[in-house]
Protein backbone atom coordinates (compact mmCIF):
# COMPACT_ATOMS: atom_id res chain seq x y z
CA UNK A 1 0.00 0.00 0.00
CA UNK A 2 1.22 3.50 -0.75
CA UNK A 3 0.02 6.09 1.76
CA UNK A 4 0.16 9.73 0.77
CA UNK A 5 -0.71 13.20 1.94
CA UNK A 6 -2.49 14.77 -1.02
CA UNK A 7 -4.14 18.17 -1.36
CA UNK A 8 -7.04 16.49 -3.15
CA UNK A 9 -8.13 12.94 -4.01
CA UNK A 10 -7.71 13.33 -7.75
CA UNK A 11 -4.93 12.70 -10.25
CA UNK A 12 -3.24 16.10 -9.81
CA UNK A 13 -3.38 15.92 -6.02
CA UNK A 14 -1.93 12.41 -5.96
CA UNK A 15 0.78 13.26 -8.50
CA UNK A 16 1.70 16.41 -6.56
CA UNK A 17 2.06 14.47 -3.30
CA UNK A 18 4.29 11.89 -4.97
CA UNK A 19 6.48 14.56 -6.60
CA UNK A 20 6.82 16.33 -3.25
CA UNK A 21 7.77 13.08 -1.48
CA UNK A 22 4.72 13.12 0.79
CA UNK A 23 4.16 9.36 0.72
CA UNK A 24 5.41 6.09 2.16
CA UNK A 25 4.93 2.38 1.58
CA UNK A 26 3.43 0.01 4.11
CA UNK A 27 1.99 -3.42 4.69
CA UNK A 28 -0.06 -1.96 7.56
CA UNK A 29 1.88 0.15 10.08
CA UNK A 30 1.76 3.92 9.81
CA UNK A 31 5.17 5.62 9.84
CA UNK A 32 6.28 9.25 9.91
CA UNK A 33 9.98 10.24 9.88
CA UNK A 34 10.85 13.84 10.66
CA UNK A 35 13.88 15.94 11.46
CA UNK A 36 13.60 17.50 14.93
CA UNK A 37 17.00 19.26 15.03
CA UNK A 38 20.08 19.54 12.87
CA UNK A 39 21.43 16.15 13.97
CA UNK A 40 18.34 14.38 15.35
CA UNK A 41 15.45 12.57 13.70
CA UNK A 42 12.27 11.06 15.12
CA UNK A 43 10.04 8.34 13.79
CA UNK A 44 6.45 8.12 15.01
CA UNK A 45 4.30 5.13 14.13
CA UNK A 46 1.41 2.94 15.11
CA UNK A 47 2.44 0.34 17.73
CA UNK A 48 5.27 -1.87 16.43
CA UNK A 49 7.81 -4.31 17.82
CA UNK A 50 10.87 -3.04 15.92
CA UNK A 51 12.10 0.30 14.57
CA UNK A 52 15.23 0.39 12.40
CA UNK A 53 17.00 3.50 11.09
CA UNK A 54 18.88 2.92 7.84
CA UNK A 55 21.62 5.02 6.27
CA UNK A 56 24.75 4.57 4.21
CA UNK A 57 26.72 3.86 7.43
CA UNK A 58 26.23 0.20 8.39
CA UNK A 59 27.65 0.44 11.93
CA UNK A 60 25.94 3.16 13.93
CA UNK A 61 24.83 3.00 17.59
CA UNK A 62 21.12 2.91 18.46
CA UNK A 63 20.10 2.00 14.92
CA UNK A 64 17.63 -0.70 16.06
CA UNK A 65 15.03 -0.42 18.81
CA UNK A 66 12.94 -3.42 19.90
CA UNK A 67 10.04 -3.71 22.31
CA UNK A 68 6.30 -4.18 22.63
CA UNK A 69 4.08 -1.37 21.39
CA UNK A 70 6.82 1.07 20.31
CA UNK A 71 5.32 4.26 18.85
CA UNK A 72 8.34 6.57 18.75
CA UNK A 73 12.13 6.44 18.46
CA UNK A 74 14.95 8.93 17.97
CA UNK A 75 18.13 8.69 15.94
CA UNK A 76 21.17 10.97 16.11
CA UNK A 77 23.27 11.37 13.00
CA UNK A 78 26.96 10.56 13.00
CA UNK A 79 28.68 13.68 14.41
CA UNK A 80 31.38 13.48 11.72
CA UNK A 81 28.72 14.08 9.07
CA UNK A 82 29.33 10.96 6.99
CA UNK A 83 25.69 9.99 6.53
CA UNK A 84 24.18 10.97 3.20
CA UNK A 85 20.63 9.67 3.68
CA UNK A 86 18.30 8.33 6.33
CA UNK A 87 15.13 6.27 6.25
CA UNK A 88 13.20 4.25 8.80
CA UNK A 89 11.59 0.83 8.73
CA UNK A 90 9.05 -0.41 11.28
CA UNK A 91 7.76 -3.93 11.85
CA UNK A 92 4.63 -4.77 13.81
CA UNK A 93 4.11 -7.91 15.90
CA UNK A 94 2.54 -9.67 12.90
CA UNK A 95 5.64 -9.10 10.75
CA UNK A 96 4.07 -6.36 8.61
CA UNK A 97 6.46 -3.55 7.68
CA UNK A 98 6.25 0.14 6.89
CA UNK A 99 9.02 2.11 5.17
CA UNK A 100 9.56 5.85 5.29
CA UNK A 101 10.80 7.77 2.32
CA UNK A 102 14.50 8.51 2.18
CA UNK A 103 15.60 11.87 3.57
CA UNK A 104 18.69 13.10 1.75
CA UNK A 105 21.17 14.78 4.10
PDB file of N, CA and C in Angstrom:
ATOM      1  N   UNK A   1       0.853  -1.167   0.000  1.00  0.00           N
ATOM      2  CA  UNK A   1       0.000   0.000   0.000  1.00  0.00           C
ATOM      3  C   UNK A   1       0.898   1.228   0.000  1.00  0.00           C
ATOM      4  N   UNK A   2       0.532   2.215  -0.782  1.00  0.00           N
ATOM      5  CA  UNK A   2       1.215   3.497  -0.753  1.00  0.00           C
ATOM      6  C   UNK A   2       0.302   4.499  -0.068  1.00  0.00           C
ATOM      7  N   UNK A   3       0.766   5.065   1.036  1.00  0.00           N
ATOM      8  CA  UNK A   3       0.019   6.087   1.761  1.00  0.00           C
ATOM      9  C   UNK A   3       0.571   7.439   1.341  1.00  0.00           C
ATOM     10  N   UNK A   4      -0.325   8.412   1.138  1.00  0.00           N
ATOM     11  CA  UNK A   4       0.165   9.730   0.770  1.00  0.00           C
ATOM     12  C   UNK A   4      -0.675  10.827   1.362  1.00  0.00           C
ATOM     13  N   UNK A   5      -0.048  11.996   1.453  1.00  0.00           N
ATOM     14  CA  UNK A   5      -0.708  13.199   1.943  1.00  0.00           C
ATOM     15  C   UNK A   5      -0.941  14.102   0.740  1.00  0.00           C
ATOM     16  N   UNK A   6      -2.159  14.033   0.202  1.00  0.00           N
ATOM     17  CA  UNK A   6      -2.487  14.771  -1.017  1.00  0.00           C
ATOM     18  C   UNK A   6      -3.375  15.958  -0.690  1.00  0.00           C
ATOM     19  N   UNK A   7      -3.277  16.998  -1.516  1.00  0.00           N
ATOM     20  CA  UNK A   7      -4.139  18.169  -1.362  1.00  0.00           C
ATOM     21  C   UNK A   7      -5.571  17.837  -1.773  1.00  0.00           C
ATOM     22  N   UNK A   8      -5.724  16.890  -2.681  1.00  0.00           N
ATOM     23  CA  UNK A   8      -7.043  16.486  -3.154  1.00  0.00           C
ATOM     24  C   UNK A   8      -6.968  15.046  -3.634  1.00  0.00           C
ATOM     25  N   UNK A   9      -8.088  14.329  -3.544  1.00  0.00           N
ATOM     26  CA  UNK A   9      -8.130  12.943  -4.006  1.00  0.00           C
ATOM     27  C   UNK A   9      -8.521  12.957  -5.481  1.00  0.00           C
ATOM     28  N   UNK A  10      -7.556  13.308  -6.291  1.00  0.00           N
ATOM     29  CA  UNK A  10      -7.706  13.329  -7.749  1.00  0.00           C
ATOM     30  C   UNK A  10      -6.310  13.194  -8.326  1.00  0.00           C
ATOM     31  N   UNK A  11      -6.223  12.988  -9.619  1.00  0.00           N
ATOM     32  CA  UNK A  11      -4.930  12.703 -10.250  1.00  0.00           C
ATOM     33  C   UNK A  11      -3.887  13.774  -9.957  1.00  0.00           C
ATOM     34  N   UNK A  12      -4.229  15.041 -10.050  1.00  0.00           N
ATOM     35  CA  UNK A  12      -3.240  16.101  -9.812  1.00  0.00           C
ATOM     36  C   UNK A  12      -2.799  16.149  -8.353  1.00  0.00           C
ATOM     37  N   UNK A  13      -3.735  15.928  -7.435  1.00  0.00           N
ATOM     38  CA  UNK A  13      -3.379  15.917  -6.024  1.00  0.00           C
ATOM     39  C   UNK A  13      -2.466  14.761  -5.672  1.00  0.00           C
ATOM     40  N   UNK A  14      -2.762  13.593  -6.200  1.00  0.00           N
ATOM     41  CA  UNK A  14      -1.931  12.413  -5.959  1.00  0.00           C
ATOM     42  C   UNK A  14      -0.553  12.599  -6.585  1.00  0.00           C
ATOM     43  N   UNK A  15      -0.501  13.052  -7.814  1.00  0.00           N
ATOM     44  CA  UNK A  15       0.784  13.264  -8.496  1.00  0.00           C
ATOM     45  C   UNK A  15       1.621  14.307  -7.762  1.00  0.00           C
ATOM     46  N   UNK A  16       0.974  15.371  -7.286  1.00  0.00           N
ATOM     47  CA  UNK A  16       1.701  16.407  -6.557  1.00  0.00           C
ATOM     48  C   UNK A  16       2.294  15.883  -5.266  1.00  0.00           C
ATOM     49  N   UNK A  17       1.549  15.057  -4.546  1.00  0.00           N
ATOM     50  CA  UNK A  17       2.058  14.470  -3.302  1.00  0.00           C
ATOM     51  C   UNK A  17       3.241  13.557  -3.579  1.00  0.00           C
ATOM     52  N   UNK A  18       3.171  12.782  -4.628  1.00  0.00           N
ATOM     53  CA  UNK A  18       4.289  11.885  -4.971  1.00  0.00           C
ATOM     54  C   UNK A  18       5.519  12.693  -5.361  1.00  0.00           C
ATOM     55  N   UNK A  19       5.338  13.708  -6.206  1.00  0.00           N
ATOM     56  CA  UNK A  19       6.478  14.557  -6.601  1.00  0.00           C
ATOM     57  C   UNK A  19       7.115  15.247  -5.408  1.00  0.00           C
ATOM     58  N   UNK A  20       6.312  15.640  -4.435  1.00  0.00           N
ATOM     59  CA  UNK A  20       6.817  16.335  -3.252  1.00  0.00           C
ATOM     60  C   UNK A  20       7.369  15.378  -2.195  1.00  0.00           C
ATOM     61  N   UNK A  21       7.251  14.061  -2.420  1.00  0.00           N
ATOM     62  CA  UNK A  21       7.768  13.081  -1.477  1.00  0.00           C
ATOM     63  C   UNK A  21       6.899  12.894  -0.255  1.00  0.00           C
ATOM     64  N   UNK A  22       5.633  13.259  -0.340  1.00  0.00           N
ATOM     65  CA  UNK A  22       4.720  13.122   0.789  1.00  0.00           C
ATOM     66  C   UNK A  22       3.986  11.782   0.702  1.00  0.00           C
ATOM     67  N   UNK A  23       4.739  10.698   0.764  1.00  0.00           N
ATOM     68  CA  UNK A  23       4.164   9.361   0.719  1.00  0.00           C
ATOM     69  C   UNK A  23       5.107   8.370   1.371  1.00  0.00           C
ATOM     70  N   UNK A  24       4.588   7.191   1.672  1.00  0.00           N
ATOM     71  CA  UNK A  24       5.413   6.092   2.160  1.00  0.00           C
ATOM     72  C   UNK A  24       4.720   4.777   1.812  1.00  0.00           C
ATOM     73  N   UNK A  25       5.465   3.700   1.882  1.00  0.00           N
ATOM     74  CA  UNK A  25       4.934   2.376   1.580  1.00  0.00           C
ATOM     75  C   UNK A  25       4.736   1.603   2.872  1.00  0.00           C
ATOM     76  N   UNK A  26       3.696   0.768   2.904  1.00  0.00           N
ATOM     77  CA  UNK A  26       3.432   0.008   4.111  1.00  0.00           C
ATOM     78  C   UNK A  26       2.637  -1.258   3.814  1.00  0.00           C
ATOM     79  N   UNK A  27       2.815  -2.216   4.691  1.00  0.00           N
ATOM     80  CA  UNK A  27       1.992  -3.417   4.694  1.00  0.00           C
ATOM     81  C   UNK A  27       0.937  -3.308   5.791  1.00  0.00           C
ATOM     82  N   UNK A  28       0.906  -2.179   6.488  1.00  0.00           N
ATOM     83  CA  UNK A  28      -0.056  -1.956   7.564  1.00  0.00           C
ATOM     84  C   UNK A  28       0.325  -0.842   8.519  1.00  0.00           C
ATOM     85  N   UNK A  29       1.528  -0.883   9.102  1.00  0.00           N
ATOM     86  CA  UNK A  29       1.879   0.147  10.081  1.00  0.00           C
ATOM     87  C   UNK A  29       1.989   1.537   9.457  1.00  0.00           C
ATOM     88  N   UNK A  30       1.534   2.530  10.209  1.00  0.00           N
ATOM     89  CA  UNK A  30       1.755   3.917   9.807  1.00  0.00           C
ATOM     90  C   UNK A  30       3.147   4.313  10.265  1.00  0.00           C
ATOM     91  N   UNK A  31       3.818   5.183   9.496  1.00  0.00           N
ATOM     92  CA  UNK A  31       5.169   5.616   9.839  1.00  0.00           C
ATOM     93  C   UNK A  31       5.380   7.048   9.364  1.00  0.00           C
ATOM     94  N   UNK A  32       5.996   7.844  10.238  1.00  0.00           N
ATOM     95  CA  UNK A  32       6.282   9.245   9.911  1.00  0.00           C
ATOM     96  C   UNK A  32       7.679   9.579  10.434  1.00  0.00           C
ATOM     97  N   UNK A  33       8.604   9.879   9.536  1.00  0.00           N
ATOM     98  CA  UNK A  33       9.978  10.238   9.885  1.00  0.00           C
ATOM     99  C   UNK A  33      10.137  11.732   9.706  1.00  0.00           C
ATOM    100  N   UNK A  34      10.673  12.388  10.742  1.00  0.00           N
ATOM    101  CA  UNK A  34      10.854  13.839  10.661  1.00  0.00           C
ATOM    102  C   UNK A  34      12.148  14.259  11.336  1.00  0.00           C
ATOM    103  N   UNK A  35      12.686  15.366  10.872  1.00  0.00           N
ATOM    104  CA  UNK A  35      13.885  15.941  11.458  1.00  0.00           C
ATOM    105  C   UNK A  35      13.447  16.874  12.578  1.00  0.00           C
ATOM    106  N   UNK A  36      13.996  16.668  13.788  1.00  0.00           N
ATOM    107  CA  UNK A  36      13.603  17.503  14.928  1.00  0.00           C
ATOM    108  C   UNK A  36      14.680  18.510  15.321  1.00  0.00           C
ATOM    109  N   UNK A  37      15.903  18.300  14.858  1.00  0.00           N
ATOM    110  CA  UNK A  37      16.996  19.265  15.028  1.00  0.00           C
ATOM    111  C   UNK A  37      18.023  18.968  13.946  1.00  0.00           C
ATOM    112  N   UNK A  38      19.085  19.709  13.939  1.00  0.00           N
ATOM    113  CA  UNK A  38      20.084  19.545  12.874  1.00  0.00           C
ATOM    114  C   UNK A  38      20.628  18.119  12.794  1.00  0.00           C
ATOM    115  N   UNK A  39      20.809  17.480  13.944  1.00  0.00           N
ATOM    116  CA  UNK A  39      21.427  16.154  13.973  1.00  0.00           C
ATOM    117  C   UNK A  39      20.497  15.050  14.479  1.00  0.00           C
ATOM    118  N   UNK A  40      19.248  15.363  14.749  1.00  0.00           N
ATOM    119  CA  UNK A  40      18.343  14.375  15.355  1.00  0.00           C
ATOM    120  C   UNK A  40      17.070  14.210  14.533  1.00  0.00           C
ATOM    121  N   UNK A  41      16.670  12.932  14.418  1.00  0.00           N
ATOM    122  CA  UNK A  41      15.447  12.574  13.704  1.00  0.00           C
ATOM    123  C   UNK A  41      14.554  11.762  14.620  1.00  0.00           C
ATOM    124  N   UNK A  42      13.251  11.817  14.339  1.00  0.00           N
ATOM    125  CA  UNK A  42      12.273  11.056  15.122  1.00  0.00           C
ATOM    126  C   UNK A  42      11.355  10.316  14.164  1.00  0.00           C
ATOM    127  N   UNK A  43      11.063   9.076  14.504  1.00  0.00           N
ATOM    128  CA  UNK A  43      10.039   8.339  13.791  1.00  0.00           C
ATOM    129  C   UNK A  43       8.881   8.151  14.764  1.00  0.00           C
ATOM    130  N   UNK A  44       7.677   8.402  14.267  1.00  0.00           N
ATOM    131  CA  UNK A  44       6.450   8.121  15.009  1.00  0.00           C
ATOM    132  C   UNK A  44       5.654   7.122  14.183  1.00  0.00           C
ATOM    133  N   UNK A  45       4.988   6.199  14.858  1.00  0.00           N
ATOM    134  CA  UNK A  45       4.304   5.132  14.134  1.00  0.00           C
ATOM    135  C   UNK A  45       3.185   4.549  14.985  1.00  0.00           C
ATOM    136  N   UNK A  46       2.362   3.739  14.356  1.00  0.00           N
ATOM    137  CA  UNK A  46       1.414   2.944  15.107  1.00  0.00           C
ATOM    138  C   UNK A  46       2.220   1.908  15.889  1.00  0.00           C
ATOM    139  N   UNK A  47       1.657   1.266  16.902  1.00  0.00           N
ATOM    140  CA  UNK A  47       2.437   0.341  17.729  1.00  0.00           C
ATOM    141  C   UNK A  47       3.135  -0.765  16.909  1.00  0.00           C
ATOM    142  N   UNK A  48       4.439  -0.881  17.129  1.00  0.00           N
ATOM    143  CA  UNK A  48       5.271  -1.866  16.427  1.00  0.00           C
ATOM    144  C   UNK A  48       6.206  -2.542  17.420  1.00  0.00           C
ATOM    145  N   UNK A  49       6.865  -3.602  16.967  1.00  0.00           N
ATOM    146  CA  UNK A  49       7.815  -4.308  17.825  1.00  0.00           C
ATOM    147  C   UNK A  49       9.265  -4.010  17.467  1.00  0.00           C
ATOM    148  N   UNK A  50       9.492  -3.367  16.300  1.00  0.00           N
ATOM    149  CA  UNK A  50      10.872  -3.037  15.921  1.00  0.00           C
ATOM    150  C   UNK A  50      10.884  -1.776  15.067  1.00  0.00           C
ATOM    151  N   UNK A  51      11.845  -0.897  15.361  1.00  0.00           N
ATOM    152  CA  UNK A  51      12.096   0.301  14.566  1.00  0.00           C
ATOM    153  C   UNK A  51      13.570   0.284  14.185  1.00  0.00           C
ATOM    154  N   UNK A  52      13.853   0.406  12.895  1.00  0.00           N
ATOM    155  CA  UNK A  52      15.229   0.393  12.398  1.00  0.00           C
ATOM    156  C   UNK A  52      15.465   1.663  11.596  1.00  0.00           C
ATOM    157  N   UNK A  53      16.573   2.350  11.883  1.00  0.00           N
ATOM    158  CA  UNK A  53      17.002   3.500  11.092  1.00  0.00           C
ATOM    159  C   UNK A  53      18.087   3.026  10.136  1.00  0.00           C
ATOM    160  N   UNK A  54      17.956   3.372   8.882  1.00  0.00           N
ATOM    161  CA  UNK A  54      18.884   2.918   7.842  1.00  0.00           C
ATOM    162  C   UNK A  54      19.568   4.115   7.196  1.00  0.00           C
ATOM    163  N   UNK A  55      20.866   3.987   6.972  1.00  0.00           N
ATOM    164  CA  UNK A  55      21.621   5.019   6.266  1.00  0.00           C
ATOM    165  C   UNK A  55      22.753   4.333   5.512  1.00  0.00           C
ATOM    166  N   UNK A  56      23.618   5.143   4.924  1.00  0.00           N
ATOM    167  CA  UNK A  56      24.754   4.571   4.206  1.00  0.00           C
ATOM    168  C   UNK A  56      25.841   4.061   5.150  1.00  0.00           C
ATOM    169  N   UNK A  57      25.745   4.357   6.449  1.00  0.00           N
ATOM    170  CA  UNK A  57      26.717   3.859   7.425  1.00  0.00           C
ATOM    171  C   UNK A  57      26.162   2.594   8.081  1.00  0.00           C
ATOM    172  N   UNK A  58      26.784   1.443   7.862  1.00  0.00           N
ATOM    173  CA  UNK A  58      26.231   0.195   8.390  1.00  0.00           C
ATOM    174  C   UNK A  58      26.398   0.027   9.899  1.00  0.00           C
ATOM    175  N   UNK A  59      27.398   0.634  10.502  1.00  0.00           N
ATOM    176  CA  UNK A  59      27.653   0.436  11.929  1.00  0.00           C
ATOM    177  C   UNK A  59      27.461   1.752  12.674  1.00  0.00           C
ATOM    178  N   UNK A  60      26.266   1.950  13.196  1.00  0.00           N
ATOM    179  CA  UNK A  60      25.935   3.156  13.930  1.00  0.00           C
ATOM    180  C   UNK A  60      25.184   2.765  15.198  1.00  0.00           C
ATOM    181  N   UNK A  61      25.531   3.352  16.351  1.00  0.00           N
ATOM    182  CA  UNK A  61      24.831   2.996  17.589  1.00  0.00           C
ATOM    183  C   UNK A  61      23.350   3.368  17.541  1.00  0.00           C
ATOM    184  N   UNK A  62      22.552   2.629  18.285  1.00  0.00           N
ATOM    185  CA  UNK A  62      21.119   2.908  18.459  1.00  0.00           C
ATOM    186  C   UNK A  62      20.318   2.873  17.161  1.00  0.00           C
ATOM    187  N   UNK A  63      20.787   2.107  16.208  1.00  0.00           N
ATOM    188  CA  UNK A  63      20.099   2.000  14.919  1.00  0.00           C
ATOM    189  C   UNK A  63      18.811   1.180  15.026  1.00  0.00           C
ATOM    190  N   UNK A  64      18.781   0.193  15.932  1.00  0.00           N
ATOM    191  CA  UNK A  64      17.631  -0.704  16.060  1.00  0.00           C
ATOM    192  C   UNK A  64      17.045  -0.585  17.468  1.00  0.00           C
ATOM    193  N   UNK A  65      15.732  -0.449  17.531  1.00  0.00           N
ATOM    194  CA  UNK A  65      15.032  -0.421  18.813  1.00  0.00           C
ATOM    195  C   UNK A  65      13.974  -1.528  18.776  1.00  0.00           C
ATOM    196  N   UNK A  66      13.912  -2.334  19.823  1.00  0.00           N
ATOM    197  CA  UNK A  66      12.942  -3.424  19.900  1.00  0.00           C
ATOM    198  C   UNK A  66      12.146  -3.307  21.189  1.00  0.00           C
ATOM    199  N   UNK A  67      10.885  -3.728  21.136  1.00  0.00           N
ATOM    200  CA  UNK A  67      10.036  -3.712  22.311  1.00  0.00           C
ATOM    201  C   UNK A  67       8.596  -3.968  21.916  1.00  0.00           C
ATOM    202  N   UNK A  68       7.724  -3.976  22.890  1.00  0.00           N
ATOM    203  CA  UNK A  68       6.302  -4.178  22.627  1.00  0.00           C
ATOM    204  C   UNK A  68       5.605  -2.828  22.567  1.00  0.00           C
ATOM    205  N   UNK A  69       4.881  -2.581  21.504  1.00  0.00           N
ATOM    206  CA  UNK A  69       4.085  -1.366  21.392  1.00  0.00           C
ATOM    207  C   UNK A  69       4.873  -0.086  21.219  1.00  0.00           C
ATOM    208  N   UNK A  70       6.039  -0.153  20.574  1.00  0.00           N
ATOM    209  CA  UNK A  70       6.815   1.071  20.315  1.00  0.00           C
ATOM    210  C   UNK A  70       6.026   1.999  19.397  1.00  0.00           C
ATOM    211  N   UNK A  71       5.999   3.281  19.713  1.00  0.00           N
ATOM    212  CA  UNK A  71       5.316   4.255  18.855  1.00  0.00           C
ATOM    213  C   UNK A  71       6.213   5.427  18.497  1.00  0.00           C
ATOM    214  N   UNK A  72       7.443   5.443  19.013  1.00  0.00           N
ATOM    215  CA  UNK A  72       8.340   6.567  18.750  1.00  0.00           C
ATOM    216  C   UNK A  72       9.771   6.141  19.021  1.00  0.00           C
ATOM    217  N   UNK A  73      10.710   6.668  18.227  1.00  0.00           N
ATOM    218  CA  UNK A  73      12.131   6.440  18.461  1.00  0.00           C
ATOM    219  C   UNK A  73      12.903   7.605  17.871  1.00  0.00           C
ATOM    220  N   UNK A  74      14.086   7.839  18.426  1.00  0.00           N
ATOM    221  CA  UNK A  74      14.954   8.931  17.968  1.00  0.00           C
ATOM    222  C   UNK A  74      16.255   8.350  17.437  1.00  0.00           C
ATOM    223  N   UNK A  75      16.842   9.079  16.505  1.00  0.00           N
ATOM    224  CA  UNK A  75      18.130   8.689  15.936  1.00  0.00           C
ATOM    225  C   UNK A  75      18.979   9.929  15.766  1.00  0.00           C
ATOM    226  N   UNK A  76      20.221   9.869  16.268  1.00  0.00           N
ATOM    227  CA  UNK A  76      21.165  10.971  16.113  1.00  0.00           C
ATOM    228  C   UNK A  76      22.153  10.631  15.008  1.00  0.00           C
ATOM    229  N   UNK A  77      22.338  11.570  14.103  1.00  0.00           N
ATOM    230  CA  UNK A  77      23.274  11.371  12.996  1.00  0.00           C
ATOM    231  C   UNK A  77      24.702  11.265  13.499  1.00  0.00           C
ATOM    232  N   UNK A  78      25.535  10.653  12.711  1.00  0.00           N
ATOM    233  CA  UNK A  78      26.960  10.560  12.996  1.00  0.00           C
ATOM    234  C   UNK A  78      27.523  11.977  13.120  1.00  0.00           C
ATOM    235  N   UNK A  79      28.188  12.313  14.235  1.00  0.00           N
ATOM    236  CA  UNK A  79      28.684  13.681  14.415  1.00  0.00           C
ATOM    237  C   UNK A  79      29.743  14.099  13.399  1.00  0.00           C
ATOM    238  N   UNK A  80      30.373  13.138  12.734  1.00  0.00           N
ATOM    239  CA  UNK A  80      31.377  13.476  11.717  1.00  0.00           C
ATOM    240  C   UNK A  80      30.742  13.834  10.377  1.00  0.00           C
ATOM    241  N   UNK A  81      29.430  13.672  10.275  1.00  0.00           N
ATOM    242  CA  UNK A  81      28.723  14.076   9.071  1.00  0.00           C
ATOM    243  C   UNK A  81      28.876  13.168   7.873  1.00  0.00           C
ATOM    244  N   UNK A  82      29.109  11.878   8.100  1.00  0.00           N
ATOM    245  CA  UNK A  82      29.326  10.964   6.989  1.00  0.00           C
ATOM    246  C   UNK A  82      28.048  10.372   6.399  1.00  0.00           C
ATOM    247  N   UNK A  83      26.929  10.553   7.061  1.00  0.00           N
ATOM    248  CA  UNK A  83      25.686   9.995   6.534  1.00  0.00           C
ATOM    249  C   UNK A  83      25.152  10.867   5.406  1.00  0.00           C
ATOM    250  N   UNK A  84      24.700  10.226   4.358  1.00  0.00           N
ATOM    251  CA  UNK A  84      24.182  10.970   3.203  1.00  0.00           C
ATOM    252  C   UNK A  84      22.674  10.826   3.048  1.00  0.00           C
ATOM    253  N   UNK A  85      22.085   9.834   3.715  1.00  0.00           N
ATOM    254  CA  UNK A  85      20.635   9.672   3.680  1.00  0.00           C
ATOM    255  C   UNK A  85      20.185   8.949   4.941  1.00  0.00           C
ATOM    256  N   UNK A  86      18.887   9.045   5.206  1.00  0.00           N
ATOM    257  CA  UNK A  86      18.298   8.334   6.335  1.00  0.00           C
ATOM    258  C   UNK A  86      16.896   7.914   5.956  1.00  0.00           C
ATOM    259  N   UNK A  87      16.511   6.744   6.382  1.00  0.00           N
ATOM    260  CA  UNK A  87      15.134   6.275   6.254  1.00  0.00           C
ATOM    261  C   UNK A  87      14.845   5.379   7.448  1.00  0.00           C
ATOM    262  N   UNK A  88      13.586   5.092   7.669  1.00  0.00           N
ATOM    263  CA  UNK A  88      13.201   4.247   8.800  1.00  0.00           C
ATOM    264  C   UNK A  88      12.321   3.111   8.301  1.00  0.00           C
ATOM    265  N   UNK A  89      12.411   2.000   9.009  1.00  0.00           N
ATOM    266  CA  UNK A  89      11.588   0.832   8.729  1.00  0.00           C
ATOM    267  C   UNK A  89      11.003   0.366  10.055  1.00  0.00           C
ATOM    268  N   UNK A  90       9.701   0.108  10.070  1.00  0.00           N
ATOM    269  CA  UNK A  90       9.048  -0.409  11.279  1.00  0.00           C
ATOM    270  C   UNK A  90       8.424  -1.761  10.972  1.00  0.00           C
ATOM    271  N   UNK A  91       8.360  -2.612  11.991  1.00  0.00           N
ATOM    272  CA  UNK A  91       7.760  -3.934  11.847  1.00  0.00           C
ATOM    273  C   UNK A  91       6.825  -4.165  13.023  1.00  0.00           C
ATOM    274  N   UNK A  92       5.576  -4.519  12.719  1.00  0.00           N
ATOM    275  CA  UNK A  92       4.630  -4.770  13.806  1.00  0.00           C
ATOM    276  C   UNK A  92       4.757  -6.218  14.283  1.00  0.00           C
ATOM    277  N   UNK A  93       3.994  -6.573  15.302  1.00  0.00           N
ATOM    278  CA  UNK A  93       4.115  -7.906  15.900  1.00  0.00           C
ATOM    279  C   UNK A  93       3.667  -9.025  14.974  1.00  0.00           C
ATOM    280  N   UNK A  94       2.958  -8.680  13.884  1.00  0.00           N
ATOM    281  CA  UNK A  94       2.542  -9.671  12.898  1.00  0.00           C
ATOM    282  C   UNK A  94       3.512  -9.772  11.727  1.00  0.00           C
ATOM    283  N   UNK A  95       4.636  -9.059  11.810  1.00  0.00           N
ATOM    284  CA  UNK A  95       5.643  -9.101  10.753  1.00  0.00           C
ATOM    285  C   UNK A  95       5.381  -8.167   9.587  1.00  0.00           C
ATOM    286  N   UNK A  96       4.358  -7.320   9.690  1.00  0.00           N
ATOM    287  CA  UNK A  96       4.069  -6.362   8.612  1.00  0.00           C
ATOM    288  C   UNK A  96       4.962  -5.142   8.780  1.00  0.00           C
ATOM    289  N   UNK A  97       5.496  -4.649   7.656  1.00  0.00           N
ATOM    290  CA  UNK A  97       6.463  -3.548   7.679  1.00  0.00           C
ATOM    291  C   UNK A  97       5.887  -2.263   7.088  1.00  0.00           C
ATOM    292  N   UNK A  98       6.501  -1.160   7.486  1.00  0.00           N
ATOM    293  CA  UNK A  98       6.253   0.143   6.891  1.00  0.00           C
ATOM    294  C   UNK A  98       7.600   0.801   6.668  1.00  0.00           C
ATOM    295  N   UNK A  99       7.744   1.508   5.550  1.00  0.00           N
ATOM    296  CA  UNK A  99       9.021   2.110   5.171  1.00  0.00           C
ATOM    297  C   UNK A  99       8.839   3.595   4.899  1.00  0.00           C
ATOM    298  N   UNK A 100       9.615   4.424   5.558  1.00  0.00           N
ATOM    299  CA  UNK A 100       9.563   5.854   5.291  1.00  0.00           C
ATOM    300  C   UNK A 100      10.262   6.133   3.965  1.00  0.00           C
ATOM    301  N   UNK A 101      10.007   7.311   3.442  1.00  0.00           N
ATOM    302  CA  UNK A 101      10.802   7.766   2.319  1.00  0.00           C
ATOM    303  C   UNK A 101      12.207   8.083   2.785  1.00  0.00           C
ATOM    304  N   UNK A 102      13.131   8.137   1.872  1.00  0.00           N
ATOM    305  CA  UNK A 102      14.503   8.515   2.177  1.00  0.00           C
ATOM    306  C   UNK A 102      14.553  10.024   2.360  1.00  0.00           C
ATOM    307  N   UNK A 103      15.282  10.451   3.383  1.00  0.00           N
ATOM    308  CA  UNK A 103      15.599  11.868   3.570  1.00  0.00           C
ATOM    309  C   UNK A 103      17.059  12.034   3.191  1.00  0.00           C
ATOM    310  N   UNK A 104      17.309  12.837   2.173  1.00  0.00           N
ATOM    311  CA  UNK A 104      18.693  13.102   1.751  1.00  0.00           C
ATOM    312  C   UNK A 104      19.295  14.144   2.691  1.00  0.00           C
ATOM    313  N   UNK A 105      20.510  13.881   3.144  1.00  0.00           N
ATOM    314  CA  UNK A 105      21.168  14.776   4.099  1.00  0.00           C
ATOM    315  C   UNK A 105      22.236  15.619   3.439  1.00  0.00           C
TER     316      UNK A 105
END
